[in-house]
PDB file of N, CA and C in Angstrom:
ATOM      1  N   MET A   1      71.616  -7.749  40.082  1.00  0.00           N
ATOM      2  CA  MET A   1      72.184  -6.806  39.128  1.00  0.00           C
ATOM      3  C   MET A   1      71.247  -5.618  39.021  1.00  0.00           C
ATOM      4  N   SER A   2      71.778  -4.420  39.156  1.00  0.00           N
ATOM      5  CA  SER A   2      70.943  -3.232  39.046  1.00  0.00           C
ATOM      6  C   SER A   2      70.623  -2.962  37.581  1.00  0.00           C
ATOM      7  N   GLU A   3      69.550  -2.217  37.347  1.00  0.00           N
ATOM      8  CA  GLU A   3      69.129  -1.923  35.985  1.00  0.00           C
ATOM      9  C   GLU A   3      70.183  -1.114  35.230  1.00  0.00           C
ATOM     10  N   LYS A   4      70.944  -0.280  35.935  1.00  0.00           N
ATOM     11  CA  LYS A   4      71.930   0.578  35.289  1.00  0.00           C
ATOM     12  C   LYS A   4      73.230  -0.161  34.980  1.00  0.00           C
ATOM     13  N   GLN A   5      73.444  -1.288  35.621  1.00  0.00           N
ATOM     14  CA  GLN A   5      74.703  -2.007  35.467  1.00  0.00           C
ATOM     15  C   GLN A   5      74.727  -2.804  34.164  1.00  0.00           C
ATOM     16  N   ASN A   6      75.829  -2.712  33.458  1.00  0.00           N
ATOM     17  CA  ASN A   6      76.043  -3.468  32.239  1.00  0.00           C
ATOM     18  C   ASN A   6      76.155  -4.949  32.605  1.00  0.00           C
ATOM     19  N   PRO A   7      75.407  -5.834  31.950  1.00  0.00           N
ATOM     20  CA  PRO A   7      75.466  -7.263  32.294  1.00  0.00           C
ATOM     21  C   PRO A   7      76.879  -7.839  32.204  1.00  0.00           C
ATOM     22  N   GLU A   8      77.655  -7.439  31.209  1.00  0.00           N
ATOM     23  CA  GLU A   8      79.017  -7.980  31.083  1.00  0.00           C
ATOM     24  C   GLU A   8      79.903  -7.530  32.235  1.00  0.00           C
ATOM     25  N   GLU A   9      79.728  -6.291  32.688  1.00  0.00           N
ATOM     26  CA  GLU A   9      80.486  -5.811  33.845  1.00  0.00           C
ATOM     27  C   GLU A   9      80.094  -6.592  35.094  1.00  0.00           C
ATOM     28  N   PHE A  10      78.787  -6.834  35.232  1.00  0.00           N
ATOM     29  CA  PHE A  10      78.293  -7.600  36.374  1.00  0.00           C
ATOM     30  C   PHE A  10      78.915  -8.999  36.387  1.00  0.00           C
ATOM     31  N   TYR A  11      78.894  -9.674  35.238  1.00  0.00           N
ATOM     32  CA  TYR A  11      79.435 -11.036  35.163  1.00  0.00           C
ATOM     33  C   TYR A  11      80.943 -11.061  35.394  1.00  0.00           C
ATOM     34  N   LYS A  12      81.653 -10.047  34.909  1.00  0.00           N
ATOM     35  CA  LYS A  12      83.101  -9.978  35.118  1.00  0.00           C
ATOM     36  C   LYS A  12      83.415  -9.839  36.611  1.00  0.00           C
ATOM     37  N   LYS A  13      82.641  -8.977  37.294  1.00  0.00           N
ATOM     38  CA  LYS A  13      82.828  -8.794  38.734  1.00  0.00           C
ATOM     39  C   LYS A  13      82.477 -10.076  39.494  1.00  0.00           C
ATOM     40  N   LEU A  14      81.378 -10.718  39.099  1.00  0.00           N
ATOM     41  CA  LEU A  14      80.980 -11.975  39.737  1.00  0.00           C
ATOM     42  C   LEU A  14      82.063 -13.034  39.560  1.00  0.00           C
ATOM     43  N   GLU A  15      82.619 -13.134  38.369  1.00  0.00           N
ATOM     44  CA  GLU A  15      83.673 -14.121  38.112  1.00  0.00           C
ATOM     45  C   GLU A  15      84.859 -13.905  39.044  1.00  0.00           C
ATOM     46  N   ALA A  16      85.283 -12.659  39.199  1.00  0.00           N
ATOM     47  CA  ALA A  16      86.402 -12.356  40.094  1.00  0.00           C
ATOM     48  C   ALA A  16      86.066 -12.739  41.535  1.00  0.00           C
ATOM     49  N   GLN A  17      84.850 -12.425  41.966  1.00  0.00           N
ATOM     50  CA  GLN A  17      84.429 -12.767  43.335  1.00  0.00           C
ATOM     51  C   GLN A  17      84.405 -14.281  43.540  1.00  0.00           C
ATOM     52  N   LEU A  18      83.943 -15.011  42.541  1.00  0.00           N
ATOM     53  CA  LEU A  18      83.875 -16.470  42.665  1.00  0.00           C
ATOM     54  C   LEU A  18      85.269 -17.084  42.761  1.00  0.00           C
ATOM     55  N   TYR A  19      86.207 -16.562  41.983  1.00  0.00           N
ATOM     56  CA  TYR A  19      87.584 -17.057  42.072  1.00  0.00           C
ATOM     57  C   TYR A  19      88.181 -16.767  43.443  1.00  0.00           C
ATOM     58  N   ASP A  20      87.801 -15.620  44.041  1.00  0.00           N
ATOM     59  CA  ASP A  20      88.344 -15.222  45.338  1.00  0.00           C
ATOM     60  C   ASP A  20      87.728 -15.966  46.518  1.00  0.00           C
ATOM     61  N   THR A  21      86.519 -16.488  46.356  1.00  0.00           N
ATOM     62  CA  THR A  21      85.806 -17.030  47.518  1.00  0.00           C
ATOM     63  C   THR A  21      85.651 -18.538  47.535  1.00  0.00           C
ATOM     64  N   ALA A  22      86.112 -19.241  46.512  1.00  0.00           N
ATOM     65  CA  ALA A  22      85.931 -20.693  46.500  1.00  0.00           C
ATOM     66  C   ALA A  22      87.095 -21.366  45.798  1.00  0.00           C
ATOM     67  N   THR A  23      87.270 -22.647  46.102  1.00  0.00           N
ATOM     68  CA  THR A  23      88.233 -23.487  45.410  1.00  0.00           C
ATOM     69  C   THR A  23      87.454 -24.286  44.383  1.00  0.00           C
ATOM     70  N   TRP A  24      87.921 -24.284  43.157  1.00  0.00           N
ATOM     71  CA  TRP A  24      87.171 -24.919  42.059  1.00  0.00           C
ATOM     72  C   TRP A  24      87.808 -26.216  41.636  1.00  0.00           C
ATOM     73  N   PRO A  25      86.993 -27.222  41.245  1.00  0.00           N
ATOM     74  CA  PRO A  25      85.529 -27.210  41.153  1.00  0.00           C
ATOM     75  C   PRO A  25      84.880 -27.105  42.529  1.00  0.00           C
ATOM     76  N   SER A  26      83.662 -26.562  42.529  1.00  0.00           N
ATOM     77  CA  SER A  26      82.956 -26.315  43.777  1.00  0.00           C
ATOM     78  C   SER A  26      81.446 -26.405  43.554  1.00  0.00           C
ATOM     79  N   GLU A  27      80.728 -26.695  44.648  1.00  0.00           N
ATOM     80  CA  GLU A  27      79.276 -26.661  44.556  1.00  0.00           C
ATOM     81  C   GLU A  27      78.842 -25.205  44.498  1.00  0.00           C
ATOM     82  N   TYR A  28      77.832 -24.936  43.668  1.00  0.00           N
ATOM     83  CA  TYR A  28      77.320 -23.584  43.518  1.00  0.00           C
ATOM     84  C   TYR A  28      75.806 -23.628  43.636  1.00  0.00           C
ATOM     85  N   LEU A  29      75.247 -22.646  44.340  1.00  0.00           N
ATOM     86  CA  LEU A  29      73.805 -22.567  44.520  1.00  0.00           C
ATOM     87  C   LEU A  29      73.238 -21.467  43.638  1.00  0.00           C
ATOM     88  N   TYR A  30      72.471 -21.874  42.629  1.00  0.00           N
ATOM     89  CA  TYR A  30      71.762 -20.933  41.768  1.00  0.00           C
ATOM     90  C   TYR A  30      70.388 -20.684  42.368  1.00  0.00           C
ATOM     91  N   LYS A  31      69.902 -19.463  42.236  1.00  0.00           N
ATOM     92  CA  LYS A  31      68.528 -19.144  42.648  1.00  0.00           C
ATOM     93  C   LYS A  31      67.884 -18.348  41.532  1.00  0.00           C
ATOM     94  N   PHE A  32      66.709 -18.802  41.135  1.00  0.00           N
ATOM     95  CA  PHE A  32      65.944 -18.142  40.090  1.00  0.00           C
ATOM     96  C   PHE A  32      64.516 -17.934  40.576  1.00  0.00           C
ATOM     97  N   ILE A  33      63.876 -16.878  40.081  1.00  0.00           N
ATOM     98  CA  ILE A  33      62.466 -16.619  40.347  1.00  0.00           C
ATOM     99  C   ILE A  33      61.760 -16.578  38.999  1.00  0.00           C
ATOM    100  N   VAL A  34      60.639 -17.321  38.904  1.00  0.00           N
ATOM    101  CA  VAL A  34      59.818 -17.293  37.690  1.00  0.00           C
ATOM    102  C   VAL A  34      58.358 -17.247  38.098  1.00  0.00           C
ATOM    103  N   LYS A  35      57.512 -16.818  37.165  1.00  0.00           N
ATOM    104  CA  LYS A  35      56.078 -16.919  37.420  1.00  0.00           C
ATOM    105  C   LYS A  35      55.756 -18.394  37.617  1.00  0.00           C
ATOM    106  N   SER A  36      54.805 -18.678  38.487  1.00  0.00           N
ATOM    107  CA  SER A  36      54.441 -20.066  38.785  1.00  0.00           C
ATOM    108  C   SER A  36      53.782 -20.701  37.571  1.00  0.00           C
ATOM    109  N   ASP A  37      54.619 -21.211  36.701  1.00  0.00           N
ATOM    110  CA  ASP A  37      54.204 -21.837  35.451  1.00  0.00           C
ATOM    111  C   ASP A  37      55.009 -23.122  35.322  1.00  0.00           C
ATOM    112  N   VAL A  38      54.318 -24.245  35.279  1.00  0.00           N
ATOM    113  CA  VAL A  38      54.976 -25.547  35.226  1.00  0.00           C
ATOM    114  C   VAL A  38      55.966 -25.614  34.065  1.00  0.00           C
ATOM    115  N   GLN A  39      55.622 -25.020  32.931  1.00  0.00           N
ATOM    116  CA  GLN A  39      56.486 -25.032  31.754  1.00  0.00           C
ATOM    117  C   GLN A  39      57.794 -24.285  32.011  1.00  0.00           C
ATOM    118  N   LYS A  40      57.706 -23.112  32.627  1.00  0.00           N
ATOM    119  CA  LYS A  40      58.914 -22.321  32.899  1.00  0.00           C
ATOM    120  C   LYS A  40      59.834 -23.035  33.889  1.00  0.00           C
ATOM    121  N   ILE A  41      59.249 -23.626  34.904  1.00  0.00           N
ATOM    122  CA  ILE A  41      60.040 -24.375  35.892  1.00  0.00           C
ATOM    123  C   ILE A  41      60.715 -25.564  35.210  1.00  0.00           C
ATOM    124  N   ALA A  42      59.991 -26.257  34.352  1.00  0.00           N
ATOM    125  CA  ALA A  42      60.549 -27.397  33.623  1.00  0.00           C
ATOM    126  C   ALA A  42      61.687 -26.957  32.699  1.00  0.00           C
ATOM    127  N   GLU A  43      61.559 -25.774  32.094  1.00  0.00           N
ATOM    128  CA  GLU A  43      62.619 -25.259  31.216  1.00  0.00           C
ATOM    129  C   GLU A  43      63.912 -25.047  32.001  1.00  0.00           C
ATOM    130  N   ILE A  44      63.797 -24.477  33.193  1.00  0.00           N
ATOM    131  CA  ILE A  44      64.985 -24.271  34.034  1.00  0.00           C
ATOM    132  C   ILE A  44      65.581 -25.620  34.422  1.00  0.00           C
ATOM    133  N   GLU A  45      64.745 -26.533  34.896  1.00  0.00           N
ATOM    134  CA  GLU A  45      65.226 -27.840  35.318  1.00  0.00           C
ATOM    135  C   GLU A  45      65.921 -28.572  34.173  1.00  0.00           C
ATOM    136  N   ALA A  46      65.393 -28.442  32.960  1.00  0.00           N
ATOM    137  CA  ALA A  46      65.976 -29.123  31.803  1.00  0.00           C
ATOM    138  C   ALA A  46      67.393 -28.633  31.508  1.00  0.00           C
ATOM    139  N   LEU A  47      67.661 -27.365  31.779  1.00  0.00           N
ATOM    140  CA  LEU A  47      68.990 -26.814  31.521  1.00  0.00           C
ATOM    141  C   LEU A  47      70.050 -27.367  32.480  1.00  0.00           C
ATOM    142  N   PHE A  48      69.606 -27.967  33.581  1.00  0.00           N
ATOM    143  CA  PHE A  48      70.530 -28.568  34.548  1.00  0.00           C
ATOM    144  C   PHE A  48      70.438 -30.099  34.532  1.00  0.00           C
ATOM    145  N   ASN A  49      69.735 -30.643  33.549  1.00  0.00           N
ATOM    146  CA  ASN A  49      69.548 -32.081  33.421  1.00  0.00           C
ATOM    147  C   ASN A  49      70.902 -32.767  33.220  1.00  0.00           C
ATOM    148  N   ASN A  50      71.056 -33.928  33.802  1.00  0.00           N
ATOM    149  CA  ASN A  50      72.270 -34.751  33.678  1.00  0.00           C
ATOM    150  C   ASN A  50      73.513 -34.091  34.253  1.00  0.00           C
ATOM    151  N   MET A  51      73.337 -33.178  35.199  1.00  0.00           N
ATOM    152  CA  MET A  51      74.478 -32.527  35.849  1.00  0.00           C
ATOM    153  C   MET A  51      74.586 -32.938  37.321  1.00  0.00           C
ATOM    154  N   GLY A  52      73.686 -33.788  37.774  1.00  0.00           N
ATOM    155  CA  GLY A  52      73.689 -34.194  39.175  1.00  0.00           C
ATOM    156  C   GLY A  52      73.175 -33.100  40.099  1.00  0.00           C
ATOM    157  N   ALA A  53      72.380 -32.194  39.574  1.00  0.00           N
ATOM    158  CA  ALA A  53      71.881 -31.054  40.345  1.00  0.00           C
ATOM    159  C   ALA A  53      70.774 -31.467  41.311  1.00  0.00           C
ATOM    160  N   VAL A  54      70.771 -30.834  42.474  1.00  0.00           N
ATOM    161  CA  VAL A  54      69.681 -30.974  43.437  1.00  0.00           C
ATOM    162  C   VAL A  54      68.817 -29.729  43.270  1.00  0.00           C
ATOM    163  N   ILE A  55      67.553 -29.942  42.896  1.00  0.00           N
ATOM    164  CA  ILE A  55      66.660 -28.835  42.569  1.00  0.00           C
ATOM    165  C   ILE A  55      65.496 -28.794  43.554  1.00  0.00           C
ATOM    166  N   ASN A  56      65.270 -27.603  44.130  1.00  0.00           N
ATOM    167  CA  ASN A  56      64.150 -27.391  45.043  1.00  0.00           C
ATOM    168  C   ASN A  56      63.332 -26.209  44.553  1.00  0.00           C
ATOM    169  N   THR A  57      62.019 -26.326  44.670  1.00  0.00           N
ATOM    170  CA  THR A  57      61.145 -25.224  44.294  1.00  0.00           C
ATOM    171  C   THR A  57      60.263 -24.846  45.475  1.00  0.00           C
ATOM    172  N   ILE A  58      60.024 -23.544  45.612  1.00  0.00           N
ATOM    173  CA  ILE A  58      59.132 -23.035  46.657  1.00  0.00           C
ATOM    174  C   ILE A  58      58.233 -21.990  46.022  1.00  0.00           C
ATOM    175  N   GLU A  59      56.937 -22.203  46.158  1.00  0.00           N
ATOM    176  CA  GLU A  59      55.974 -21.256  45.607  1.00  0.00           C
ATOM    177  C   GLU A  59      55.781 -20.106  46.592  1.00  0.00           C
ATOM    178  N   SER A  60      55.601 -18.897  46.071  1.00  0.00           N
ATOM    179  CA  SER A  60      55.371 -17.731  46.928  1.00  0.00           C
ATOM    180  C   SER A  60      54.046 -17.885  47.676  1.00  0.00           C
ATOM    181  N   LYS A  61      53.879 -17.061  48.690  1.00  0.00           N
ATOM    182  CA  LYS A  61      52.692 -17.141  49.533  1.00  0.00           C
ATOM    183  C   LYS A  61      51.399 -17.031  48.717  1.00  0.00           C
ATOM    184  N   ASN A  62      51.382 -16.125  47.746  1.00  0.00           N
ATOM    185  CA  ASN A  62      50.165 -15.953  46.951  1.00  0.00           C
ATOM    186  C   ASN A  62      50.123 -16.867  45.723  1.00  0.00           C
ATOM    187  N   GLY A  63      51.210 -17.634  45.509  1.00  0.00           N
ATOM    188  CA  GLY A  63      51.220 -18.606  44.418  1.00  0.00           C
ATOM    189  C   GLY A  63      51.536 -18.025  43.050  1.00  0.00           C
ATOM    190  N   LYS A  64      51.876 -16.748  43.007  1.00  0.00           N
ATOM    191  CA  LYS A  64      52.125 -16.100  41.717  1.00  0.00           C
ATOM    192  C   LYS A  64      53.523 -16.418  41.168  1.00  0.00           C
ATOM    193  N   TYR A  65      54.503 -16.587  42.069  1.00  0.00           N
ATOM    194  CA  TYR A  65      55.878 -16.837  41.666  1.00  0.00           C
ATOM    195  C   TYR A  65      56.419 -18.101  42.322  1.00  0.00           C
ATOM    196  N   THR A  66      57.454 -18.663  41.698  1.00  0.00           N
ATOM    197  CA  THR A  66      58.124 -19.832  42.254  1.00  0.00           C
ATOM    198  C   THR A  66      59.620 -19.566  42.292  1.00  0.00           C
ATOM    199  N   SER A  67      60.229 -19.885  43.423  1.00  0.00           N
ATOM    200  CA  SER A  67      61.673 -19.810  43.585  1.00  0.00           C
ATOM    201  C   SER A  67      62.245 -21.180  43.225  1.00  0.00           C
ATOM    202  N   VAL A  68      63.260 -21.195  42.369  1.00  0.00           N
ATOM    203  CA  VAL A  68      63.908 -22.442  41.972  1.00  0.00           C
ATOM    204  C   VAL A  68      65.357 -22.363  42.448  1.00  0.00           C
ATOM    205  N   SER A  69      65.724 -23.234  43.386  1.00  0.00           N
ATOM    206  CA  SER A  69      67.089 -23.298  43.906  1.00  0.00           C
ATOM    207  C   SER A  69      67.758 -24.541  43.345  1.00  0.00           C
ATOM    208  N   ILE A  70      68.958 -24.370  42.823  1.00  0.00           N
ATOM    209  CA  ILE A  70      69.661 -25.474  42.184  1.00  0.00           C
ATOM    210  C   ILE A  70      71.073 -25.536  42.741  1.00  0.00           C
ATOM    211  N   ASN A  71      71.401 -26.643  43.382  1.00  0.00           N
ATOM    212  CA  ASN A  71      72.732 -26.858  43.926  1.00  0.00           C
ATOM    213  C   ASN A  71      73.435 -27.855  43.026  1.00  0.00           C
ATOM    214  N   VAL A  72      74.578 -27.444  42.448  1.00  0.00           N
ATOM    215  CA  VAL A  72      75.239 -28.299  41.461  1.00  0.00           C
ATOM    216  C   VAL A  72      76.751 -28.058  41.506  1.00  0.00           C
ATOM    217  N   LEU A  73      77.517 -29.091  41.231  1.00  0.00           N
ATOM    218  CA  LEU A  73      78.969 -28.992  41.174  1.00  0.00           C
ATOM    219  C   LEU A  73      79.364 -28.353  39.844  1.00  0.00           C
ATOM    220  N   MET A  74      80.084 -27.240  39.929  1.00  0.00           N
ATOM    221  CA  MET A  74      80.531 -26.525  38.727  1.00  0.00           C
ATOM    222  C   MET A  74      82.056 -26.540  38.683  1.00  0.00           C
ATOM    223  N   ARG A  75      82.628 -26.590  37.468  1.00  0.00           N
ATOM    224  CA  ARG A  75      84.082 -26.729  37.336  1.00  0.00           C
ATOM    225  C   ARG A  75      84.849 -25.438  37.619  1.00  0.00           C
ATOM    226  N   ASP A  76      84.248 -24.281  37.276  1.00  0.00           N
ATOM    227  CA  ASP A  76      84.929 -23.010  37.507  1.00  0.00           C
ATOM    228  C   ASP A  76      83.930 -21.855  37.351  1.00  0.00           C
ATOM    229  N   PRO A  77      84.322 -20.634  37.735  1.00  0.00           N
ATOM    230  CA  PRO A  77      83.409 -19.490  37.620  1.00  0.00           C
ATOM    231  C   PRO A  77      82.918 -19.230  36.196  1.00  0.00           C
ATOM    232  N   LYS A  78      83.733 -19.495  35.191  1.00  0.00           N
ATOM    233  CA  LYS A  78      83.285 -19.302  33.803  1.00  0.00           C
ATOM    234  C   LYS A  78      82.089 -20.200  33.493  1.00  0.00           C
ATOM    235  N   ALA A  79      82.095 -21.422  34.013  1.00  0.00           N
ATOM    236  CA  ALA A  79      80.979 -22.349  33.807  1.00  0.00           C
ATOM    237  C   ALA A  79      79.732 -21.857  34.547  1.00  0.00           C
ATOM    238  N   VAL A  80      79.921 -21.281  35.736  1.00  0.00           N
ATOM    239  CA  VAL A  80      78.800 -20.723  36.507  1.00  0.00           C
ATOM    240  C   VAL A  80      78.123 -19.618  35.700  1.00  0.00           C
ATOM    241  N   ILE A  81      78.924 -18.710  35.175  1.00  0.00           N
ATOM    242  CA  ILE A  81      78.389 -17.580  34.423  1.00  0.00           C
ATOM    243  C   ILE A  81      77.751 -18.036  33.115  1.00  0.00           C
ATOM    244  N   ALA A  82      78.366 -19.001  32.454  1.00  0.00           N
ATOM    245  CA  ALA A  82      77.792 -19.531  31.204  1.00  0.00           C
ATOM    246  C   ALA A  82      76.400 -20.100  31.459  1.00  0.00           C
ATOM    247  N   LYS A  83      76.217 -20.750  32.598  1.00  0.00           N
ATOM    248  CA  LYS A  83      74.906 -21.332  32.921  1.00  0.00           C
ATOM    249  C   LYS A  83      73.890 -20.228  33.221  1.00  0.00           C
ATOM    250  N   TYR A  84      74.299 -19.167  33.937  1.00  0.00           N
ATOM    251  CA  TYR A  84      73.396 -18.036  34.161  1.00  0.00           C
ATOM    252  C   TYR A  84      72.926 -17.471  32.823  1.00  0.00           C
ATOM    253  N   LYS A  85      73.861 -17.275  31.893  1.00  0.00           N
ATOM    254  CA  LYS A  85      73.522 -16.725  30.577  1.00  0.00           C
ATOM    255  C   LYS A  85      72.602 -17.666  29.811  1.00  0.00           C
ATOM    256  N   GLU A  86      72.860 -18.966  29.900  1.00  0.00           N
ATOM    257  CA  GLU A  86      72.022 -19.951  29.207  1.00  0.00           C
ATOM    258  C   GLU A  86      70.590 -19.903  29.720  1.00  0.00           C
ATOM    259  N   VAL A  87      70.424 -19.807  31.031  1.00  0.00           N
ATOM    260  CA  VAL A  87      69.082 -19.722  31.603  1.00  0.00           C
ATOM    261  C   VAL A  87      68.400 -18.429  31.145  1.00  0.00           C
ATOM    262  N   ALA A  88      69.105 -17.312  31.207  1.00  0.00           N
ATOM    263  CA  ALA A  88      68.535 -16.021  30.813  1.00  0.00           C
ATOM    264  C   ALA A  88      68.095 -16.033  29.348  1.00  0.00           C
ATOM    265  N   GLU A  89      68.856 -16.697  28.484  1.00  0.00           N
ATOM    266  CA  GLU A  89      68.546 -16.743  27.059  1.00  0.00           C
ATOM    267  C   GLU A  89      67.394 -17.682  26.735  1.00  0.00           C
ATOM    268  N   ASN A  90      67.186 -18.701  27.572  1.00  0.00           N
ATOM    269  CA  ASN A  90      66.222 -19.745  27.241  1.00  0.00           C
ATOM    270  C   ASN A  90      64.915 -19.720  28.022  1.00  0.00           C
ATOM    271  N   VAL A  91      64.871 -18.975  29.105  1.00  0.00           N
ATOM    272  CA  VAL A  91      63.662 -18.942  29.938  1.00  0.00           C
ATOM    273  C   VAL A  91      63.174 -17.496  30.028  1.00  0.00           C
ATOM    274  N   GLU A  92      62.093 -17.212  29.341  1.00  0.00           N
ATOM    275  CA  GLU A  92      61.565 -15.858  29.303  1.00  0.00           C
ATOM    276  C   GLU A  92      61.057 -15.421  30.676  1.00  0.00           C
ATOM    277  N   GLY A  93      61.448 -14.209  31.081  1.00  0.00           N
ATOM    278  CA  GLY A  93      60.947 -13.637  32.321  1.00  0.00           C
ATOM    279  C   GLY A  93      61.627 -14.124  33.585  1.00  0.00           C
ATOM    280  N   VAL A  94      62.693 -14.902  33.472  1.00  0.00           N
ATOM    281  CA  VAL A  94      63.374 -15.412  34.655  1.00  0.00           C
ATOM    282  C   VAL A  94      64.177 -14.290  35.321  1.00  0.00           C
ATOM    283  N   ILE A  95      64.208 -14.328  36.654  1.00  0.00           N
ATOM    284  CA  ILE A  95      65.015 -13.400  37.435  1.00  0.00           C
ATOM    285  C   ILE A  95      66.099 -14.235  38.115  1.00  0.00           C
ATOM    286  N   SER A  96      67.347 -13.874  37.890  1.00  0.00           N
ATOM    287  CA  SER A  96      68.477 -14.572  38.522  1.00  0.00           C
ATOM    288  C   SER A  96      68.877 -13.829  39.780  1.00  0.00           C
ATOM    289  N   LEU A  97      69.070 -14.565  40.846  1.00  0.00           N
ATOM    290  CA  LEU A  97      69.500 -13.941  42.106  1.00  0.00           C
ATOM    291  C   LEU A  97      70.933 -14.334  42.416  1.00  0.00           C
TER     292      LEU A  97
END
């Protein structure tokens, strides 16, 4: 999402794209970047707890940041977007890709 883009417009466009490109329910791959902090990574993982998510983390070359990839079955695009918003609201400094 660009800095100039309204978050609600971005999510509305994403929702339309998700409806056009997949049959729901469908597996969805979330990608987040956070500073390499065990607490922040745990906060993200906790938000996907009990969802059957497969979570992988990769630390950057210099160890400053960690990429968190989460593959999980989602019921529809609205649920995908709700989870993005939940992560953004609960994990300070997270970057959603």
